[in-house]
Amino acid sequence: MTTLACDVAIVGAGPAGLSAAVHAADAGLNVALVDAGTQPGGQYWRHPDESHPVPDEGEGHHGWREFTDLRSRLYAHETTGTLTYLRGTQVWLIEPARPAGVVLRLAPATDPAPAAGTVTARHVILCPGGYDRQLPIPGWDLPGVMAAGGVQALLKGNRTAAGRVAVVAGTGPFLLPVATGLAHAGVKVAAICEANSPTGWLRNAGGAVRAPAKALEGVEYATALARHRIPYKIRTAVTAIHGTDRVESVTLSRVDAHGTAIAGTQRTVACDVVALGWGFTPQLELVLAAGAETTVDVDGSLIAVVDDRLASTAPGVTVAGEATGVGGAPMAVLEGELAALCVSEALGVAAAPGGPASEGRIRALQRDRARLHRFAVAMHRANPVPANWQDWLTPETLVCRCEEVTHGALCDAHTELGAADARTLKSFGRPGMGWCQGRVCGFAVSEIAARFANRPTSADDLRSMAKRSLAAPVTLGQLAALDFDDVHEG
């Protein structure tokens, strides 16, 4: 088992983590970067490898020049030894160190992979990113139904299309790059189904104008939709998916402002792949394991509570990127730099000559973050999860696919056993107790529990489905080999 000591450990090499690692090393800190992937970039800058041609915007790679600059600087710091980059490695446990600092316990994420070990750091910056938020729909367990992010990951990382005829459905601007990416790969996109209406942006215009570059992206996507003749249907949802051995068709329904399907508007569309995206939700296992406080964001997701320097409520733990609130890659890159500079200042490490680590730069980043955060709030308010999505469910609809728990079984757990919140619903009905540990069904189960109790979804509901004793799978041998001499008693 290997051990490594450093000034700052950064978990995650997506936009936030990559930016944090580079700027922390620039500032003179000794850095350890831990990432489950074999290449930097995370899901947003996912790509085959450096030997492949540079991807174009049609493949969904915005900000590629910024990524390659950060990647070059990362590799330069790795070469000089300022930074240790632990690829194919995941953190399965985070603990306070003795007398101060943080211990990260590592496990292989790939095969073959580096040996397991530990990293002891004076400070840690958690940049775990996020993943697709999913809602159960009748038939969503059929082969051919994928998360929108999974469809795009195939396109970016493997240059593989998931099918021949696709329906892209859900809500939010992420549907656009997924649909245009599929069309660019030769897939016929039968429809984009947006459950909300663009008029939602007008009600939040003050925040929308804070990111003018996003408007230009919107024009690019509108042009691409017209070029590929992709129908864009608003106030429309996929309310059922049909097929025997795989997806064969979907039912599209017009919905009102609350997501209630309007009678008589249903029609069937043939397809062999369905990409579902209801926004993103932060990956908070390590944030919760560190003991940091969390709260419900404007989009209904659980996020870490941080101050204006991105420090969490857990000693020695800073959080950056989607875990502080889903805001997109530009905001994540900015937060990575802000986190690195604030941690550098807190640790008393002088910036490199001519470097940006100054209080003035920190204040400028804080102003830019506030501006981008206002845009993110406007985006979430314009594209909410439909309030009445549960009306689409049937008793036979699977909610937890790992444990094969149906909506009817959850209703029984509530009416017959008295489950009144997500925690008891999980205990009595077993949703979220399978392989994914609630990562897929956790949001939906929390919403279902809240509706049973006729109240808004609470942070406790979401926490009960998101908190996990171990953040990643480990072997019994790794557990047996634990040495707790490097952590506080208890």
Protein backbone atom coordinates (compact mmCIF):
# COMPACT_ATOMS: atom_id res chain seq x y z
CA MET A 1 0.00 0.00 0.00
CA THR A 2 1.41 3.35 -1.08
CA THR A 3 1.22 6.58 0.91
CA LEU A 4 1.62 10.14 -0.29
CA ALA A 5 1.78 13.42 1.63
CA CYS A 6 1.06 16.77 0.00
CA ASP A 7 -0.12 20.31 0.64
CA VAL A 8 -3.43 19.95 -1.17
CA ALA A 9 -5.23 16.93 -2.59
CA ILE A 10 -7.76 17.50 -5.36
CA VAL A 11 -10.39 14.88 -6.13
CA GLY A 12 -11.70 14.92 -9.68
CA ALA A 13 -10.00 16.00 -12.94
CA GLY A 14 -13.02 17.51 -14.66
CA PRO A 15 -13.24 21.25 -15.42
CA ALA A 16 -13.16 22.29 -11.74
CA GLY A 17 -10.55 19.79 -10.56
CA LEU A 18 -8.25 20.30 -13.54
CA SER A 19 -8.37 24.06 -13.05
CA ALA A 20 -7.81 23.73 -9.29
CA ALA A 21 -4.84 21.41 -9.75
CA VAL A 22 -3.10 23.65 -12.27
CA HIS A 23 -3.61 26.87 -10.34
CA ALA A 24 -2.65 25.29 -7.01
CA ALA A 25 0.60 24.06 -8.55
CA ASP A 26 1.15 27.47 -10.18
CA ALA A 27 0.83 29.05 -6.75
CA GLY A 28 3.61 26.85 -5.35
CA LEU A 29 1.64 24.15 -3.57
CA ASN A 30 2.61 20.49 -3.68
CA VAL A 31 -0.45 18.89 -5.29
CA ALA A 32 -1.97 15.41 -5.58
CA LEU A 33 -4.70 15.04 -8.20
CA VAL A 34 -6.87 11.92 -7.84
CA ASP A 35 -9.24 10.92 -10.63
CA ALA A 36 -11.10 7.75 -11.60
CA GLY A 37 -10.56 8.45 -15.30
CA THR A 38 -7.41 7.67 -17.22
CA GLN A 39 -7.35 11.11 -18.86
CA PRO A 40 -8.09 14.62 -17.58
CA GLY A 41 -11.20 16.50 -18.68
CA GLY A 42 -14.01 14.71 -16.88
CA GLN A 43 -17.32 14.13 -18.64
CA TYR A 44 -17.47 17.59 -20.20
CA TRP A 45 -14.12 17.30 -22.00
CA ARG A 46 -14.39 13.56 -22.53
CA HIS A 47 -12.32 12.40 -25.52
CA PRO A 48 -10.66 9.21 -26.83
CA ASP A 49 -7.00 10.21 -26.24
CA GLU A 50 -4.36 12.64 -27.45
CA SER A 51 -3.52 10.49 -30.50
CA HIS A 52 -6.93 11.16 -32.04
CA PRO A 53 -7.66 14.26 -34.16
CA VAL A 54 -8.80 17.36 -32.30
CA PRO A 55 -12.61 17.14 -31.97
CA ASP A 56 -14.78 19.83 -33.50
CA GLU A 57 -17.67 21.78 -32.02
CA GLY A 58 -20.11 19.46 -33.80
CA GLU A 59 -19.01 16.72 -31.41
CA GLY A 60 -19.99 18.83 -28.43
CA HIS A 61 -16.52 19.96 -27.36
CA HIS A 62 -16.87 23.61 -26.40
CA GLY A 63 -13.90 25.32 -24.80
CA TRP A 64 -11.46 22.81 -26.24
CA ARG A 65 -8.62 25.35 -26.44
CA GLU A 66 -9.04 26.15 -22.75
CA PHE A 67 -8.93 22.44 -21.95
CA THR A 68 -5.75 21.77 -23.94
CA ASP A 69 -4.05 24.73 -22.24
CA LEU A 70 -4.96 23.42 -18.79
CA ARG A 71 -3.94 19.89 -19.77
CA SER A 72 -0.53 21.07 -21.03
CA ARG A 73 0.10 22.93 -17.79
CA LEU A 74 -1.00 19.88 -15.80
CA TYR A 75 1.46 17.63 -17.62
CA ALA A 76 4.24 20.22 -17.19
CA HIS A 77 3.72 20.28 -13.41
CA GLU A 78 3.61 16.48 -13.39
CA THR A 79 6.95 16.36 -15.22
CA THR A 80 8.64 18.71 -12.74
CA GLY A 81 7.25 16.78 -9.75
CA THR A 82 5.19 19.68 -8.41
CA LEU A 83 2.07 17.61 -8.99
CA THR A 84 1.34 13.91 -8.60
CA TYR A 85 -1.45 12.75 -10.91
CA LEU A 86 -3.11 9.53 -9.71
CA ARG A 87 -5.04 8.27 -12.74
CA GLY A 88 -7.52 5.41 -12.63
CA THR A 89 -7.90 5.89 -8.88
CA GLN A 90 -10.94 6.63 -6.77
CA VAL A 91 -11.39 7.83 -3.20
CA TRP A 92 -13.58 5.50 -1.19
CA LEU A 93 -13.19 7.10 2.24
CA ILE A 94 -12.27 10.55 3.56
CA GLU A 95 -11.22 11.11 7.19
CA PRO A 96 -9.65 13.80 9.35
CA ALA A 97 -5.91 13.34 9.85
CA ARG A 98 -3.94 13.70 13.09
CA PRO A 99 -3.05 16.34 14.23
CA ALA A 100 -4.57 18.23 11.27
CA GLY A 101 -5.43 17.77 7.64
CA VAL A 102 -7.32 15.12 5.71
CA VAL A 103 -6.68 11.47 4.78
CA LEU A 104 -8.00 10.06 1.51
CA ARG A 105 -8.17 6.30 1.16
CA LEU A 106 -7.75 5.13 -2.41
CA ALA A 107 -8.88 2.17 -4.48
CA PRO A 108 -8.31 1.22 -8.12
CA ALA A 109 -10.98 2.48 -10.50
CA THR A 110 -9.65 0.71 -13.58
CA ASP A 111 -8.06 -2.61 -14.41
CA PRO A 112 -5.11 -2.60 -14.57
CA ALA A 113 -4.78 0.26 -12.08
CA PRO A 114 -2.31 1.70 -9.58
CA ALA A 115 -2.06 0.03 -6.20
CA ALA A 116 -4.40 1.16 -3.46
CA GLY A 117 -3.04 3.53 -0.87
CA THR A 118 -3.63 6.76 1.00
CA VAL A 119 -3.06 10.47 0.48
CA THR A 120 -2.56 12.72 3.48
CA ALA A 121 -3.05 16.41 2.73
CA ARG A 122 -3.08 19.64 4.67
CA HIS A 123 -6.20 20.57 2.71
CA VAL A 124 -8.49 18.89 0.19
CA ILE A 125 -10.50 20.36 -2.70
CA LEU A 126 -13.41 18.13 -3.67
CA CYS A 127 -14.46 18.48 -7.32
CA PRO A 128 -16.63 15.38 -7.78
CA GLY A 129 -18.78 16.79 -10.60
CA GLY A 130 -22.30 15.61 -11.31
CA TYR A 131 -24.29 13.10 -13.29
CA ASP A 132 -27.61 12.88 -15.12
CA ARG A 133 -30.69 13.27 -12.98
CA GLN A 134 -33.27 10.70 -14.02
CA LEU A 135 -37.03 10.31 -13.61
CA PRO A 136 -38.71 6.91 -13.96
CA ILE A 137 -41.06 6.52 -16.92
CA PRO A 138 -43.07 3.43 -17.88
CA GLY A 139 -40.69 1.33 -20.00
CA TRP A 140 -37.49 3.21 -19.11
CA ASP A 141 -35.82 -0.08 -18.17
CA LEU A 142 -35.86 -1.30 -21.80
CA PRO A 143 -32.52 -1.63 -23.64
CA GLY A 144 -32.06 1.47 -25.76
CA VAL A 145 -33.13 3.91 -23.03
CA MET A 146 -30.13 5.91 -21.88
CA ALA A 147 -29.30 8.99 -19.88
CA ALA A 148 -28.63 11.92 -22.20
CA GLY A 149 -25.14 12.20 -20.72
CA GLY A 150 -24.50 8.53 -21.47
CA VAL A 151 -25.44 9.04 -25.09
CA GLN A 152 -23.05 11.98 -25.33
CA ALA A 153 -20.30 10.05 -23.52
CA LEU A 154 -20.47 7.37 -26.21
CA LEU A 155 -20.20 10.04 -28.89
CA LYS A 156 -17.32 11.91 -27.25
CA GLY A 157 -15.30 9.09 -25.79
CA ASN A 158 -15.92 6.29 -28.30
CA ARG A 159 -17.32 8.11 -31.34
CA THR A 160 -20.18 5.65 -31.30
CA ALA A 161 -23.84 6.40 -31.90
CA ALA A 162 -26.29 4.64 -29.59
CA GLY A 163 -28.83 3.86 -32.34
CA ARG A 164 -30.27 4.87 -35.70
CA VAL A 165 -33.43 6.81 -34.77
CA ALA A 166 -33.49 8.78 -31.52
CA VAL A 167 -35.86 10.77 -29.35
CA VAL A 168 -34.17 13.20 -26.96
CA ALA A 169 -36.42 14.24 -24.07
CA GLY A 170 -36.47 15.92 -20.69
CA THR A 171 -35.70 19.55 -19.95
CA GLY A 172 -32.87 22.03 -20.14
CA PRO A 173 -30.30 23.23 -22.67
CA PHE A 174 -28.26 20.01 -22.45
CA LEU A 175 -30.80 18.33 -24.74
CA LEU A 176 -29.49 20.48 -27.61
CA PRO A 177 -25.85 19.28 -27.75
CA VAL A 178 -27.00 15.69 -27.31
CA ALA A 179 -29.44 15.92 -30.23
CA THR A 180 -27.06 17.79 -32.52
CA GLY A 181 -24.24 15.43 -31.61
CA LEU A 182 -26.39 12.46 -32.60
CA ALA A 183 -27.36 14.14 -35.87
CA HIS A 184 -23.72 14.95 -36.57
CA ALA A 185 -22.97 11.23 -36.15
CA GLY A 186 -25.61 10.27 -38.71
CA VAL A 187 -28.49 9.41 -36.37
CA LYS A 188 -31.97 10.57 -37.30
CA VAL A 189 -33.35 12.59 -34.40
CA ALA A 190 -37.12 12.16 -34.56
CA ALA A 191 -37.74 14.87 -31.97
CA ILE A 192 -36.39 16.91 -29.09
CA CYS A 193 -39.09 16.98 -26.40
CA GLU A 194 -38.69 19.87 -23.98
CA ALA A 195 -41.12 19.62 -21.08
CA ASN A 196 -40.98 23.34 -20.40
CA SER A 197 -41.38 26.44 -22.55
CA PRO A 198 -38.73 28.98 -23.64
CA THR A 199 -40.93 31.68 -22.13
CA GLY A 200 -39.52 30.59 -18.79
CA TRP A 201 -36.31 32.42 -19.72
CA LEU A 202 -38.29 35.66 -20.12
CA ARG A 203 -39.43 35.43 -16.51
CA ASN A 204 -35.77 35.15 -15.48
CA ALA A 205 -34.24 37.56 -18.00
CA GLY A 206 -32.14 39.35 -15.38
CA GLY A 207 -30.04 36.24 -14.79
CA ALA A 208 -30.14 35.06 -18.40
CA VAL A 209 -28.29 38.11 -19.71
CA ARG A 210 -25.40 37.47 -17.29
CA ALA A 211 -23.83 34.95 -19.69
CA PRO A 212 -24.05 36.35 -23.25
CA ALA A 213 -21.84 33.56 -24.60
CA LYS A 214 -24.65 31.12 -23.85
CA ALA A 215 -26.94 33.06 -26.19
CA LEU A 216 -24.40 32.58 -28.98
CA GLU A 217 -24.32 28.86 -28.24
CA GLY A 218 -28.11 28.84 -28.48
CA VAL A 219 -27.94 30.41 -31.94
CA GLU A 220 -25.42 27.74 -33.00
CA TYR A 221 -27.72 24.97 -31.84
CA ALA A 222 -30.77 26.55 -33.49
CA THR A 223 -28.84 26.63 -36.76
CA ALA A 224 -27.83 22.99 -36.34
CA LEU A 225 -31.42 21.94 -35.60
CA ALA A 226 -32.59 23.65 -38.78
CA ARG A 227 -29.78 22.11 -40.84
CA HIS A 228 -30.57 18.60 -39.64
CA ARG A 229 -34.35 19.24 -39.66
CA ILE A 230 -34.78 18.18 -36.04
CA PRO A 231 -38.26 18.94 -34.64
CA TYR A 232 -38.12 20.86 -31.35
CA LYS A 233 -41.32 20.29 -29.38
CA ILE A 234 -42.01 22.41 -26.31
CA ARG A 235 -44.33 21.46 -23.45
CA THR A 236 -43.92 17.87 -24.62
CA ALA A 237 -42.74 14.84 -22.66
CA VAL A 238 -42.09 11.16 -23.24
CA THR A 239 -44.69 9.64 -20.92
CA ALA A 240 -44.23 5.97 -21.91
CA ILE A 241 -41.65 3.84 -23.72
CA HIS A 242 -42.64 0.72 -25.63
CA GLY A 243 -40.90 -2.40 -26.91
CA THR A 244 -40.37 -6.11 -26.34
CA ASP A 245 -36.65 -6.82 -26.25
CA ARG A 246 -35.62 -3.20 -26.75
CA VAL A 247 -37.08 0.23 -27.46
CA GLU A 248 -39.40 0.31 -30.44
CA SER A 249 -41.42 3.49 -29.87
CA VAL A 250 -42.41 6.16 -27.37
CA THR A 251 -45.60 7.97 -26.43
CA LEU A 252 -45.27 11.74 -26.64
CA SER A 253 -47.75 13.81 -24.66
CA ARG A 254 -48.35 17.52 -24.54
CA VAL A 255 -48.07 18.69 -20.93
CA ASP A 256 -49.21 21.79 -19.10
CA ALA A 257 -47.00 24.08 -17.03
CA HIS A 258 -47.06 21.58 -14.15
CA GLY A 259 -46.23 18.54 -16.27
CA THR A 260 -49.72 17.05 -16.34
CA ALA A 261 -50.32 15.20 -19.61
CA ILE A 262 -53.12 16.80 -21.63
CA ALA A 263 -55.77 14.26 -22.63
CA GLY A 264 -56.05 13.58 -26.33
CA THR A 265 -52.57 14.85 -27.24
CA GLN A 266 -50.74 11.52 -27.09
CA ARG A 267 -49.04 10.16 -30.20
CA THR A 268 -46.59 7.36 -30.89
CA VAL A 269 -43.18 7.90 -32.47
CA ALA A 270 -40.96 5.04 -33.64
CA CYS A 271 -37.33 5.02 -32.44
CA ASP A 272 -34.63 2.65 -31.23
CA VAL A 273 -32.92 4.92 -28.70
CA VAL A 274 -34.30 7.34 -26.11
CA ALA A 275 -32.00 9.90 -24.45
CA LEU A 276 -33.51 11.21 -21.21
CA GLY A 277 -32.12 14.23 -19.42
CA TRP A 278 -33.67 16.14 -16.51
CA GLY A 279 -30.64 18.24 -15.67
CA PHE A 280 -27.75 17.13 -13.48
CA THR A 281 -27.31 16.37 -9.82
CA PRO A 282 -24.04 16.71 -7.87
CA GLN A 283 -22.10 13.65 -6.76
CA LEU A 284 -21.89 14.23 -3.01
CA GLU A 285 -20.63 10.99 -1.45
CA LEU A 286 -17.32 12.50 -0.33
CA VAL A 287 -18.88 15.83 0.66
CA LEU A 288 -21.28 14.00 2.98
CA ALA A 289 -18.58 11.61 4.20
CA ALA A 290 -16.44 14.60 5.17
CA GLY A 291 -19.28 15.86 7.37
CA ALA A 292 -19.91 19.02 5.36
CA GLU A 293 -23.32 20.65 5.54
CA THR A 294 -25.64 20.43 2.53
CA THR A 295 -28.79 22.19 1.40
CA VAL A 296 -31.37 22.07 -1.39
CA ASP A 297 -30.53 24.23 -4.39
CA VAL A 298 -33.01 26.12 -6.57
CA ASP A 299 -33.19 23.15 -8.99
CA GLY A 300 -34.13 20.71 -6.22
CA SER A 301 -30.69 19.07 -6.02
CA LEU A 302 -28.68 18.60 -2.85
CA ILE A 303 -25.51 20.73 -2.86
CA ALA A 304 -22.64 21.51 -0.52
CA VAL A 305 -22.86 24.63 1.65
CA VAL A 306 -19.80 26.81 0.97
CA ASP A 307 -18.77 30.38 1.75
CA ASP A 308 -17.55 32.96 -0.78
CA ARG A 309 -14.11 31.31 -0.73
CA LEU A 310 -15.68 27.87 -1.40
CA ALA A 311 -14.76 26.54 2.04
CA SER A 312 -17.23 23.96 3.31
CA THR A 313 -18.29 23.59 6.93
CA ALA A 314 -15.89 20.63 7.33
CA PRO A 315 -12.39 21.62 8.50
CA GLY A 316 -9.78 21.47 5.73
CA VAL A 317 -12.35 20.75 3.00
CA THR A 318 -13.09 23.07 0.07
CA VAL A 319 -15.65 22.21 -2.61
CA ALA A 320 -15.69 23.44 -6.22
CA GLY A 321 -17.67 22.77 -9.38
CA GLU A 322 -21.08 21.16 -9.72
CA ALA A 323 -21.13 20.05 -6.06
CA THR A 324 -21.70 23.70 -5.06
CA GLY A 325 -24.57 24.01 -7.55
CA VAL A 326 -24.86 22.91 -11.16
CA GLY A 327 -23.67 25.83 -13.28
CA GLY A 328 -21.79 24.43 -16.27
CA ALA A 329 -18.14 24.08 -17.24
CA PRO A 330 -17.16 27.79 -17.39
CA MET A 331 -18.35 28.29 -13.82
CA ALA A 332 -16.61 25.08 -12.72
CA VAL A 333 -13.28 26.20 -14.23
CA LEU A 334 -13.60 29.54 -12.47
CA GLU A 335 -14.42 27.88 -9.15
CA GLY A 336 -11.42 25.58 -9.52
CA GLU A 337 -9.09 28.56 -9.78
CA LEU A 338 -10.85 30.39 -6.96
CA ALA A 339 -10.58 27.35 -4.69
CA ALA A 340 -6.89 26.91 -5.47
CA LEU A 341 -6.01 30.54 -4.75
CA CYS A 342 -8.00 30.68 -1.53
CA VAL A 343 -6.45 27.43 -0.26
CA SER A 344 -2.98 28.69 -1.22
CA GLU A 345 -3.58 31.85 0.78
CA ALA A 346 -4.99 29.89 3.73
CA LEU A 347 -1.92 27.62 3.79
CA GLY A 348 0.43 30.59 3.64
CA VAL A 349 2.15 29.50 0.45
CA ALA A 350 3.46 32.40 -1.60
CA ALA A 351 2.44 32.59 -5.23
CA ALA A 352 4.96 31.95 -7.94
CA PRO A 353 6.61 35.13 -9.29
CA GLY A 354 4.12 36.91 -11.54
CA GLY A 355 1.39 34.46 -10.56
CA PRO A 356 -2.26 35.41 -10.10
CA ALA A 357 -2.66 34.47 -6.44
CA SER A 358 -3.62 37.84 -5.00
CA GLU A 359 -6.59 39.15 -3.07
CA GLY A 360 -7.49 41.26 -6.10
CA ARG A 361 -7.67 38.21 -8.33
CA ILE A 362 -9.76 36.39 -5.73
CA ARG A 363 -12.23 39.27 -5.60
CA ALA A 364 -12.46 39.35 -9.41
CA LEU A 365 -13.18 35.62 -9.50
CA GLN A 366 -15.83 36.01 -6.80
CA ARG A 367 -17.57 38.71 -8.88
CA ASP A 368 -17.49 36.53 -12.00
CA ARG A 369 -18.77 33.56 -10.03
CA ALA A 370 -21.70 35.61 -8.72
CA ARG A 371 -22.55 36.63 -12.29
CA LEU A 372 -22.45 33.05 -13.60
CA HIS A 373 -24.39 31.85 -10.58
CA ARG A 374 -27.20 34.26 -11.43
CA PHE A 375 -27.31 32.76 -14.91
CA ALA A 376 -27.42 29.23 -13.46
CA VAL A 377 -30.34 30.21 -11.22
CA ALA A 378 -32.20 31.61 -14.23
CA MET A 379 -31.52 28.40 -16.16
CA HIS A 380 -32.85 26.20 -13.37
CA ARG A 381 -35.95 28.32 -12.88
CA ALA A 382 -36.67 28.27 -16.62
CA ASN A 383 -36.25 24.48 -16.81
CA PRO A 384 -37.66 22.92 -13.64
CA VAL A 385 -38.50 19.27 -13.24
CA PRO A 386 -42.27 19.13 -13.92
CA ALA A 387 -44.15 19.19 -10.64
CA ASN A 388 -46.61 16.46 -11.66
CA TRP A 389 -44.22 14.01 -13.34
CA GLN A 390 -45.39 11.29 -10.95
CA ASP A 391 -48.77 11.31 -12.70
CA TRP A 392 -47.07 9.55 -15.63
CA LEU A 393 -46.28 6.50 -13.50
CA THR A 394 -48.23 3.25 -13.36
CA PRO A 395 -48.13 0.77 -10.45
CA GLU A 396 -45.87 -1.46 -12.59
CA THR A 397 -43.34 1.27 -13.40
CA LEU A 398 -39.89 0.44 -12.01
CA VAL A 399 -38.54 3.24 -9.86
CA CYS A 400 -35.42 1.47 -8.55
CA ARG A 401 -34.07 -0.67 -11.37
CA CYS A 402 -31.28 -2.27 -9.31
CA GLU A 403 -33.72 -3.78 -6.79
CA GLU A 404 -36.68 -3.91 -9.22
CA VAL A 405 -38.86 -1.81 -6.91
CA THR A 406 -42.04 -0.60 -8.59
CA HIS A 407 -44.04 2.53 -7.92
CA GLY A 408 -46.84 0.30 -6.66
CA ALA A 409 -44.49 -1.27 -4.10
CA LEU A 410 -43.54 2.18 -2.83
CA CYS A 411 -47.20 3.12 -2.54
CA ASP A 412 -47.76 -0.05 -0.50
CA ALA A 413 -44.80 0.77 1.75
CA HIS A 414 -46.42 4.12 2.45
CA THR A 415 -50.06 3.03 2.91
CA GLU A 416 -49.50 -0.33 4.59
CA LEU A 417 -46.25 0.17 6.50
CA GLY A 418 -46.41 3.90 7.21
CA ALA A 419 -43.28 5.01 5.32
CA ALA A 420 -43.58 8.80 5.43
CA ASP A 421 -40.15 9.97 4.30
CA ALA A 422 -37.36 8.85 1.98
CA ARG A 423 -35.39 7.18 4.77
CA THR A 424 -38.23 4.89 5.88
CA LEU A 425 -39.32 4.35 2.29
CA LYS A 426 -35.81 3.10 1.58
CA SER A 427 -35.85 0.86 4.65
CA PHE A 428 -39.26 -0.68 3.98
CA GLY A 429 -39.27 -0.77 0.17
CA ARG A 430 -35.52 -1.18 -0.62
CA PRO A 431 -35.15 1.53 -3.29
CA GLY A 432 -31.56 2.74 -3.48
CA MET A 433 -30.13 -0.39 -1.83
CA GLY A 434 -28.80 -2.03 -5.00
CA TRP A 435 -25.64 -1.70 -7.06
CA CYS A 436 -25.95 2.05 -7.80
CA GLN A 437 -26.82 2.82 -4.16
CA GLY A 438 -29.50 5.31 -5.10
CA ARG A 439 -27.47 7.35 -7.56
CA VAL A 440 -30.08 6.79 -10.27
CA CYS A 441 -33.33 6.58 -8.29
CA GLY A 442 -32.44 8.73 -5.27
CA PHE A 443 -33.94 11.99 -6.52
CA ALA A 444 -37.11 10.28 -7.73
CA VAL A 445 -37.61 8.36 -4.47
CA SER A 446 -37.12 11.57 -2.48
CA GLU A 447 -39.78 13.31 -4.57
CA ILE A 448 -42.16 10.37 -4.27
CA ALA A 449 -41.76 10.31 -0.48
CA ALA A 450 -42.40 14.05 -0.27
CA ARG A 451 -45.55 13.72 -2.34
CA PHE A 452 -46.82 10.93 -0.10
CA ALA A 453 -46.45 13.34 2.83
CA ASN A 454 -47.91 16.26 0.85
CA ARG A 455 -44.89 18.50 1.43
CA PRO A 456 -41.87 19.83 -0.50
CA THR A 457 -38.85 17.57 -0.91
CA SER A 458 -36.45 18.25 1.96
CA ALA A 459 -32.70 18.12 2.33
CA ASP A 460 -33.15 15.19 4.74
CA ASP A 461 -34.98 13.24 2.03
CA LEU A 462 -32.17 13.83 -0.44
CA ARG A 463 -29.41 13.20 2.11
CA SER A 464 -30.90 9.86 3.13
CA MET A 465 -30.66 8.69 -0.49
CA ALA A 466 -27.24 10.24 -1.16
CA LYS A 467 -25.24 9.32 1.96
CA ARG A 468 -23.14 6.19 1.60
CA SER A 469 -20.72 4.67 4.10
CA LEU A 470 -18.21 3.95 1.34
CA ALA A 471 -17.96 6.25 -1.67
CA ALA A 472 -16.76 3.48 -4.00
CA PRO A 473 -16.59 -0.34 -4.03
CA VAL A 474 -13.59 -1.86 -2.22
CA THR A 475 -12.43 -5.38 -1.48
CA LEU A 476 -12.67 -7.08 1.89
CA GLY A 477 -8.88 -7.24 1.83
CA GLN A 478 -8.65 -3.46 1.68
CA LEU A 479 -11.01 -3.14 4.62
CA ALA A 480 -9.04 -5.71 6.63
CA ALA A 481 -5.78 -3.89 5.89
CA LEU A 482 -6.96 -0.52 7.24
CA ASP A 483 -4.56 1.25 9.59
CA PHE A 484 -6.19 4.03 11.56
CA ASP A 485 -2.99 5.44 13.10
CA ASP A 486 -3.16 8.38 10.70
CA VAL A 487 -6.64 9.59 11.74
CA HIS A 488 -8.34 10.89 14.85
CA GLU A 489 -9.71 8.31 17.23
CA GLY A 490 -13.39 7.91 16.46
